[in-house]
C-alpha atoms as a PDB file:
ATOM      1  CA  MET A   1       8.547  63.856 -42.521  1.00  0.00           C
ATOM      2  CA  ARG A   2      10.623  64.997 -39.672  1.00  0.00           C
ATOM      3  CA  GLU A   3       9.013  62.939 -36.605  1.00  0.00           C
ATOM      4  CA  VAL A   4       9.072  65.525 -33.717  1.00  0.00           C
ATOM      5  CA  PRO A   5       9.693  63.844 -30.273  1.00  0.00           C
ATOM      6  CA  VAL A   6       7.329  62.520 -27.409  1.00  0.00           C
ATOM      7  CA  ASN A   7       8.441  62.395 -24.171  1.00  0.00           C
ATOM      8  CA  ALA A   8       8.076  59.604 -22.075  1.00  0.00           C
ATOM      9  CA  PRO A   9       6.006  61.492 -19.534  1.00  0.00           C
ATOM     10  CA  ALA A  10       3.410  63.005 -22.595  1.00  0.00           C
ATOM     11  CA  ARG A  11       3.262  59.327 -23.567  1.00  0.00           C
ATOM     12  CA  THR A  12       1.744  58.468 -20.834  1.00  0.00           C
ATOM     13  CA  THR A  13      -0.456  60.740 -20.562  1.00  0.00           C
ATOM     14  CA  ALA A  14      -2.186  60.905 -23.978  1.00  0.00           C
ATOM     15  CA  ALA A  15      -2.538  57.070 -23.320  1.00  0.00           C
ATOM     16  CA  LEU A  16      -3.883  57.189 -20.492  1.00  0.00           C
ATOM     17  CA  GLY A  17      -6.688  59.467 -22.405  1.00  0.00           C
ATOM     18  CA  LEU A  18      -7.061  57.043 -25.188  1.00  0.00           C
ATOM     19  CA  LEU A  19      -8.113  54.528 -21.670  1.00  0.00           C
ATOM     20  CA  VAL A  20     -10.213  56.767 -20.154  1.00  0.00           C
ATOM     21  CA  LEU A  21     -12.378  57.777 -22.889  1.00  0.00           C
ATOM     22  CA  ALA A  22     -12.634  54.133 -24.542  1.00  0.00           C
ATOM     23  CA  ALA A  23     -13.763  53.359 -20.870  1.00  0.00           C
ATOM     24  CA  CYS A  24     -16.378  55.912 -21.144  1.00  0.00           C
ATOM     25  CA  ALA A  25     -17.937  53.977 -24.994  1.00  0.00           C
ATOM     26  CA  SER A  26     -17.789  50.544 -23.543  1.00  0.00           C
ATOM     27  CA  PRO A  27     -21.022  49.135 -22.349  1.00  0.00           C
ATOM     28  CA  PRO A  28     -20.941  48.210 -18.829  1.00  0.00           C
ATOM     29  CA  PRO A  29     -20.515  44.276 -18.229  1.00  0.00           C
ATOM     30  CA  LYS A  30     -23.120  41.863 -18.429  1.00  0.00           C
ATOM     31  CA  ASP A  31     -23.364  40.773 -14.983  1.00  0.00           C
ATOM     32  CA  HIS A  32     -23.615  44.494 -13.900  1.00  0.00           C
ATOM     33  CA  PRO A  33     -26.842  46.053 -14.433  1.00  0.00           C
ATOM     34  CA  PRO A  34     -26.744  49.000 -16.015  1.00  0.00           C
ATOM     35  CA  GLU A  35     -27.002  52.695 -12.730  1.00  0.00           C
ATOM     36  CA  THR A  36     -29.813  54.294 -12.778  1.00  0.00           C
ATOM     37  CA  GLY A  37     -28.699  57.056 -10.956  1.00  0.00           C
ATOM     38  CA  PRO A  38     -30.391  57.596  -6.681  1.00  0.00           C
ATOM     39  CA  THR A  39     -33.983  57.012  -6.606  1.00  0.00           C
ATOM     40  CA  ALA A  40     -35.967  60.067  -6.460  1.00  0.00           C
ATOM     41  CA  PRO A  41     -38.229  60.358  -3.262  1.00  0.00           C
ATOM     42  CA  ALA A  42     -41.705  59.490  -3.241  1.00  0.00           C
ATOM     43  CA  ALA A  43     -43.919  63.173  -3.909  1.00  0.00           C
ATOM     44  CA  ALA A  44     -45.242  63.547  -0.914  1.00  0.00           C
ATOM     45  CA  PRO A  45     -49.172  63.327  -0.650  1.00  0.00           C
ATOM     46  CA  LEU A  46     -51.388  65.880  -2.232  1.00  0.00           C
ATOM     47  CA  ALA A  47     -53.890  67.287   0.217  1.00  0.00           C
ATOM     48  CA  THR A  48     -57.338  66.123  -0.955  1.00  0.00           C
ATOM     49  CA  ALA A  49     -60.064  67.900  -2.391  1.00  0.00           C
ATOM     50  CA  ALA A  50     -62.507  68.090   0.287  1.00  0.00           C
ATOM     51  CA  ALA A  51     -59.790  69.791   2.889  1.00  0.00           C
ATOM     52  CA  THR A  52     -60.823  73.429   2.085  1.00  0.00           C
ATOM     53  CA  PRO A  53     -64.231  73.025   2.274  1.00  0.00           C
ATOM     54  CA  VAL A  54     -64.049  71.059   5.215  1.00  0.00           C
ATOM     55  CA  GLN A  55     -61.926  73.700   6.852  1.00  0.00           C
ATOM     56  CA  SER A  56     -63.877  76.572   5.440  1.00  0.00           C
ATOM     57  CA  ASP A  57     -67.419  74.835   6.954  1.00  0.00           C
ATOM     58  CA  ALA A  58     -65.625  74.773  10.662  1.00  0.00           C
ATOM     59  CA  ALA A  59     -64.508  78.574  10.399  1.00  0.00           C
ATOM     60  CA  ALA A  60     -67.937  78.987   9.340  1.00  0.00           C
ATOM     61  CA  ASN A  61     -69.281  76.559  11.974  1.00  0.00           C
ATOM     62  CA  ALA A  62     -67.392  79.122  14.377  1.00  0.00           C
ATOM     63  CA  SER A  63     -68.100  82.142  13.302  1.00  0.00           C
ATOM     64  CA  PHE A  64     -71.611  81.753  13.530  1.00  0.00           C
ATOM     65  CA  ASP A  65     -71.426  81.001  17.312  1.00  0.00           C
ATOM     66  CA  TRP A  66     -73.121  83.607  19.285  1.00  0.00           C
ATOM     67  CA  HIS A  67     -71.865  82.723  22.647  1.00  0.00           C
ATOM     68  CA  PRO A  68     -69.046  85.333  21.986  1.00  0.00           C
ATOM     69  CA  LEU A  69     -71.097  88.102  22.465  1.00  0.00           C
ATOM     70  CA  VAL A  70     -71.777  87.205  26.222  1.00  0.00           C
ATOM     71  CA  ALA A  71     -68.743  89.270  27.248  1.00  0.00           C
ATOM     72  CA  ALA A  72     -69.921  89.518  31.057  1.00  0.00           C
ATOM     73  CA  PRO A  73     -72.392  86.670  32.583  1.00  0.00           C
ATOM     74  CA  PHE A  74     -75.512  87.340  33.340  1.00  0.00           C
ATOM     75  CA  GLY A  75     -76.299  89.342  36.069  1.00  0.00           C
ATOM     76  CA  THR A  76     -72.963  90.685  36.365  1.00  0.00           C
ATOM     77  CA  LEU A  77     -73.124  94.069  37.939  1.00  0.00           C
ATOM     78  CA  LEU A  78     -72.102  97.284  35.711  1.00  0.00           C
ATOM     79  CA  LYS A  79     -69.738  98.779  37.715  1.00  0.00           C
ATOM     80  CA  ASP A  80     -67.984  95.505  37.590  1.00  0.00           C
ATOM     81  CA  CYS A  81     -68.530  94.962  34.369  1.00  0.00           C
ATOM     82  CA  PRO A  82     -64.725  93.622  32.453  1.00  0.00           C
ATOM     83  CA  ILE A  83     -64.762  95.845  29.741  1.00  0.00           C
ATOM     84  CA  ARG A  84     -65.113  99.762  29.042  1.00  0.00           C
ATOM     85  CA  LEU A  85     -68.645 100.471  28.072  1.00  0.00           C
ATOM     86  CA  HIS A  86     -70.532 104.080  27.318  1.00  0.00           C
ATOM     87  CA  GLU A  87     -73.879 104.426  27.894  1.00  0.00           C
ATOM     88  CA  VAL A  88     -76.403 105.441  24.629  1.00  0.00           C
ATOM     89  CA  LEU A  89     -79.369 106.886  24.142  1.00  0.00           C
ATOM     90  CA  LEU A  90     -82.312 104.444  22.359  1.00  0.00           C
ATOM     91  CA  PHE A  91     -84.838 105.278  19.928  1.00  0.00           C
ATOM     92  CA  HIS A  92     -87.423 102.549  20.884  1.00  0.00           C
ATOM     93  CA  ASP A  93     -88.589 101.067  17.899  1.00  0.00           C
ATOM     94  CA  GLU A  94     -90.356  97.279  18.038  1.00  0.00           C
ATOM     95  CA  SER A  95     -90.627  96.446  14.213  1.00  0.00           C
ATOM     96  CA  LEU A  96     -86.672  96.581  14.157  1.00  0.00           C
ATOM     97  CA  GLY A  97     -86.391  94.416  17.387  1.00  0.00           C
ATOM     98  CA  SER A  98     -85.908  96.980  20.425  1.00  0.00           C
ATOM     99  CA  ALA A  99     -88.993  95.937  22.580  1.00  0.00           C
ATOM    100  CA  GLY A 100     -87.682  95.182  26.175  1.00  0.00           C
ATOM    101  CA  THR A 101     -85.470  97.518  26.331  1.00  0.00           C
ATOM    102  CA  GLU A 102     -87.601 100.402  27.464  1.00  0.00           C
ATOM    103  CA  SER A 103     -86.298 100.093  31.417  1.00  0.00           C
ATOM    104  CA  LYS A 104     -83.043  99.665  30.866  1.00  0.00           C
ATOM    105  CA  ASP A 105     -79.742 101.359  30.484  1.00  0.00           C
ATOM    106  CA  CYS A 106     -78.193 100.159  27.059  1.00  0.00           C
ATOM    107  CA  TYR A 107     -74.028 100.531  26.876  1.00  0.00           C
ATOM    108  CA  ALA A 108     -71.770 100.311  24.181  1.00  0.00           C
ATOM    109  CA  VAL A 109     -68.263  98.929  24.069  1.00  0.00           C
ATOM    110  CA  ASP A 110     -65.260 101.279  23.715  1.00  0.00           C
ATOM    111  CA  GLY A 111     -63.529  99.819  20.994  1.00  0.00           C
ATOM    112  CA  SER A 112     -64.033  96.614  19.000  1.00  0.00           C
ATOM    113  CA  ALA A 113     -67.229  95.137  19.596  1.00  0.00           C
ATOM    114  CA  PRO A 114     -67.282  91.104  19.961  1.00  0.00           C
ATOM    115  CA  THR A 115     -67.011  89.559  16.689  1.00  0.00           C
ATOM    116  CA  PHE A 116     -69.978  87.479  15.088  1.00  0.00           C
ATOM    117  CA  ILE A 117     -70.759  85.478  11.642  1.00  0.00           C
ATOM    118  CA  GLY A 118     -66.840  86.553  10.607  1.00  0.00           C
ATOM    119  CA  HIS A 119     -66.286  90.373  11.974  1.00  0.00           C
ATOM    120  CA  ALA A 120     -67.212  92.582  15.014  1.00  0.00           C
ATOM    121  CA  ALA A 121     -70.850  93.509  15.200  1.00  0.00           C
ATOM    122  CA  ASP A 122     -71.573  96.282  13.348  1.00  0.00           C
ATOM    123  CA  GLU A 123     -74.003  97.437  16.355  1.00  0.00           C
ATOM    124  CA  TYR A 124     -73.131  95.656  19.989  1.00  0.00           C
ATOM    125  CA  LEU A 125     -75.313  96.780  23.416  1.00  0.00           C
ATOM    126  CA  MET A 126     -75.343  95.401  26.588  1.00  0.00           C
ATOM    127  CA  CYS A 127     -78.133  96.537  28.231  1.00  0.00           C
ATOM    128  CA  PHE A 128     -78.422  96.441  32.314  1.00  0.00           C
ATOM    129  CA  GLU A 129     -81.477  96.625  34.871  1.00  0.00           C
ATOM    130  CA  HIS A 130     -81.840  97.822  38.569  1.00  0.00           C
ATOM    131  CA  ASP A 131     -77.637  97.395  37.697  1.00  0.00           C
ATOM    132  CA  ARG A 132     -77.904  93.953  36.567  1.00  0.00           C
ATOM    133  CA  LEU A 133     -77.033  92.619  33.121  1.00  0.00           C
ATOM    134  CA  ASP A 134     -80.385  91.821  31.346  1.00  0.00           C
ATOM    135  CA  ARG A 135     -79.927  92.214  27.135  1.00  0.00           C
ATOM    136  CA  ILE A 136     -77.362  91.671  24.940  1.00  0.00           C
ATOM    137  CA  ASP A 137     -78.197  92.886  21.045  1.00  0.00           C
ATOM    138  CA  ALA A 138     -76.351  92.798  18.618  1.00  0.00           C
ATOM    139  CA  SER A 139     -76.535  93.120  14.460  1.00  0.00           C
ATOM    140  CA  VAL A 140     -73.782  92.286  11.659  1.00  0.00           C
ATOM    141  CA  ARG A 141     -75.006  93.306   7.833  1.00  0.00           C
ATOM    142  CA  ILE A 142     -74.730  90.767   5.105  1.00  0.00           C
ATOM    143  CA  ALA A 143     -74.948  90.132   1.085  1.00  0.00           C
ATOM    144  CA  THR A 144     -78.681  90.035   0.630  1.00  0.00           C
ATOM    145  CA  ASP A 145     -77.698  87.368  -2.338  1.00  0.00           C
ATOM    146  CA  ASP A 146     -75.705  85.154   0.695  1.00  0.00           C
ATOM    147  CA  ALA A 147     -78.466  86.234   3.590  1.00  0.00           C
ATOM    148  CA  ALA A 148     -80.635  83.516   3.415  1.00  0.00           C
ATOM    149  CA  GLN A 149     -78.240  80.553   3.538  1.00  0.00           C
ATOM    150  CA  ILE A 150     -75.720  81.888   5.880  1.00  0.00           C
ATOM    151  CA  PHE A 151     -79.229  82.663   8.119  1.00  0.00           C
ATOM    152  CA  GLY A 152     -80.258  78.807   7.725  1.00  0.00           C
ATOM    153  CA  ARG A 153     -76.784  77.614   8.452  1.00  0.00           C
ATOM    154  CA  ALA A 154     -77.172  79.456  11.140  1.00  0.00           C
ATOM    155  CA  CYS A 155     -79.796  78.501  12.914  1.00  0.00           C
ATOM    156  CA  ALA A 156     -79.495  75.206  12.037  1.00  0.00           C
ATOM    157  CA  ARG A 157     -76.305  75.639  14.533  1.00  0.00           C
ATOM    158  CA  TRP A 158     -78.161  77.206  17.404  1.00  0.00           C
ATOM    159  CA  LEU A 159     -81.087  74.660  17.009  1.00  0.00           C
ATOM    160  CA  GLY A 160     -78.709  71.645  17.093  1.00  0.00           C
ATOM    161  CA  ASN A 161     -76.890  72.701  20.303  1.00  0.00           C
ATOM    162  CA  ALA A 162     -80.221  74.305  22.255  1.00  0.00           C
ATOM    163  CA  GLN A 163     -83.762  73.201  22.703  1.00  0.00           C
ATOM    164  CA  PRO A 164     -86.354  74.827  19.973  1.00  0.00           C
ATOM    165  CA  LEU A 165     -89.022  77.301  20.518  1.00  0.00           C
ATOM    166  CA  THR A 166     -89.662  78.862  17.210  1.00  0.00           C
ATOM    167  CA  LYS A 167     -88.290  78.351  13.785  1.00  0.00           C
ATOM    168  CA  ALA A 168     -89.053  80.164  10.870  1.00  0.00           C
ATOM    169  CA  ASP A 169     -87.432  81.547   7.160  1.00  0.00           C
ATOM    170  CA  ASP A 170     -86.474  84.697   8.418  1.00  0.00           C
ATOM    171  CA  ALA A 171     -86.552  84.337  12.608  1.00  0.00           C
ATOM    172  CA  CYS A 172     -84.819  81.882  14.939  1.00  0.00           C
ATOM    173  CA  ASP A 173     -85.853  81.618  18.749  1.00  0.00           C
ATOM    174  CA  GLY A 174     -84.181  78.669  21.143  1.00  0.00           C
ATOM    175  CA  ARG A 175     -82.760  78.805  24.386  1.00  0.00           C
ATOM    176  CA  ASP A 176     -79.396  77.591  25.299  1.00  0.00           C
ATOM    177  CA  GLY A 177     -78.942  76.547  29.387  1.00  0.00           C
ATOM    178  CA  ASP A 178     -79.931  79.754  31.294  1.00  0.00           C
ATOM    179  CA  ILE A 179     -79.619  81.973  27.888  1.00  0.00           C
ATOM    180  CA  ALA A 180     -82.547  82.261  25.341  1.00  0.00           C
ATOM    181  CA  PHE A 181     -81.867  83.121  21.695  1.00  0.00           C
ATOM    182  CA  SER A 182     -83.752  85.654  19.142  1.00  0.00           C
ATOM    183  CA  ALA A 183     -82.188  86.164  15.792  1.00  0.00           C
ATOM    184  CA  ARG A 184     -84.394  88.043  13.302  1.00  0.00           C
ATOM    185  CA  LEU A 185     -83.273  89.056   9.301  1.00  0.00           C
ATOM    186  CA  MET A 186     -84.248  92.286   8.325  1.00  0.00           C
ATOM    187  CA  ALA A 187     -84.385  93.585   4.633  1.00  0.00           C
ATOM    188  CA  GLN A 188     -84.617  96.740   3.062  1.00  0.00           C
ATOM    189  CA  PRO A 189     -85.771  96.820  -0.687  1.00  0.00           C
ATOM    190  CA  GLY A 190     -83.554  97.153  -3.229  1.00  0.00           C
ATOM    191  CA  GLU A 191     -80.377  97.404  -0.317  1.00  0.00           C
ATOM    192  CA  PRO A 192     -77.316  94.966  -1.574  1.00  0.00           C
ATOM    193  CA  THR A 193     -77.345  94.416   2.467  1.00  0.00           C
ATOM    194  CA  VAL A 194     -79.373  92.787   4.912  1.00  0.00           C
ATOM    195  CA  GLU A 195     -79.228  93.190   8.437  1.00  0.00           C
ATOM    196  CA  LEU A 196     -78.935  89.739  11.131  1.00  0.00           C
ATOM    197  CA  LEU A 197     -80.024  91.061  14.729  1.00  0.00           C
ATOM    198  CA  ILE A 198     -79.787  88.766  17.215  1.00  0.00           C
ATOM    199  CA  THR A 199     -81.047  89.403  21.161  1.00  0.00           C
ATOM    200  CA  LEU A 200     -79.816  87.008  24.208  1.00  0.00           C
ATOM    201  CA  THR A 201     -81.870  87.348  26.940  1.00  0.00           C
ATOM    202  CA  ASP A 202     -81.138  85.868  30.943  1.00  0.00           C
ATOM    203  CA  ALA A 203     -83.700  83.392  30.645  1.00  0.00           C
ATOM    204  CA  ALA A 204     -83.035  81.072  34.433  1.00  0.00           C
ATOM    205  CA  ARG A 205     -83.747  85.282  35.739  1.00  0.00           C
ATOM    206  CA  ARG A 206     -87.153  85.135  33.671  1.00  0.00           C
ATOM    207  CA  ASP A 207     -87.624  81.647  34.887  1.00  0.00           C
ATOM    208  CA  ALA A 208     -87.635  82.654  38.299  1.00  0.00           C
ATOM    209  CA  GLU A 209     -90.304  85.464  37.346  1.00  0.00           C
ATOM    210  CA  GLN A 210     -92.505  83.700  36.239  1.00  0.00           C
ATOM    211  CA  ALA A 211     -92.605  80.589  38.870  1.00  0.00           C
ATOM    212  CA  PRO A 212     -95.460  80.106  40.681  1.00  0.00           C
ATOM    213  CA  PRO A 213     -95.350  81.434  44.586  1.00  0.00           C
ATOM    214  CA  GLY A 214     -93.741  78.294  46.761  1.00  0.00           C
ATOM    215  CA  ASP A 215     -92.977  76.516  43.942  1.00  0.00           C
ATOM    216  CA  PRO A 216     -90.391  74.376  45.495  1.00  0.00           C
ATOM    217  CA  GLU A 217     -88.583  73.636  42.257  1.00  0.00           C
ATOM    218  CA  ALA A 218     -88.493  77.395  41.272  1.00  0.00           C
ATOM    219  CA  PRO A 219     -84.584  78.662  40.483  1.00  0.00           C
ATOM    220  CA  SER A 220     -83.548  81.352  43.055  1.00  0.00           C
ATOM    221  CA  PRO A 221     -83.417  84.569  41.783  1.00  0.00           C
ATOM    222  CA  ALA A 222     -80.753  86.696  41.466  1.00  0.00           C
ATOM    223  CA  ALA A 223     -79.695  88.411  44.788  1.00  0.00           C
ATOM    224  CA  PRO A 224     -81.183  92.054  44.607  1.00  0.00           C
END
């Protein structure tokens, strides 16, 4: 057989290739532990399962707050009201919680009503007596199956921050500072939703009107 000559560079390249292969196949020295590669970063801690319910409870509690319904302080003159209103005609029905509005001029807002129980109020009225804000009525509709639980949680929150007056399964009355609140659940048989109505009134003004004449501790009535 005829031998094919191989030049020096080729021999050198071939020898280096064999050395590389031998190095890959050889075990690491005994005094040098095998490399295990870079350490993987520690996984970020997972949020606890309780985080979502807690956040949901906080959001629900915030939605129960009726204070955003007070778009202007009680006693505000109609001409000074900070939101645009239009007058509405009311058909009074005491069974629907409309008692006390007969002597008042009531107005609805132009645009979206304030948010209550998670969405804009279905009905929202600001009622003025002698051109001063004296009463606010609002209502929302909630699913019948959830109504008792939602109303119970809302009432517990209201009474926790207020002086309780009365309490019933479908009624929640109390007072927070100078504002009195009265809420009711109004259900109709066969309806998939229940109406939650709330009325806010100027309790400070009523205190002044009911105080005995000459009582030095009686609060001063609002200026006419």
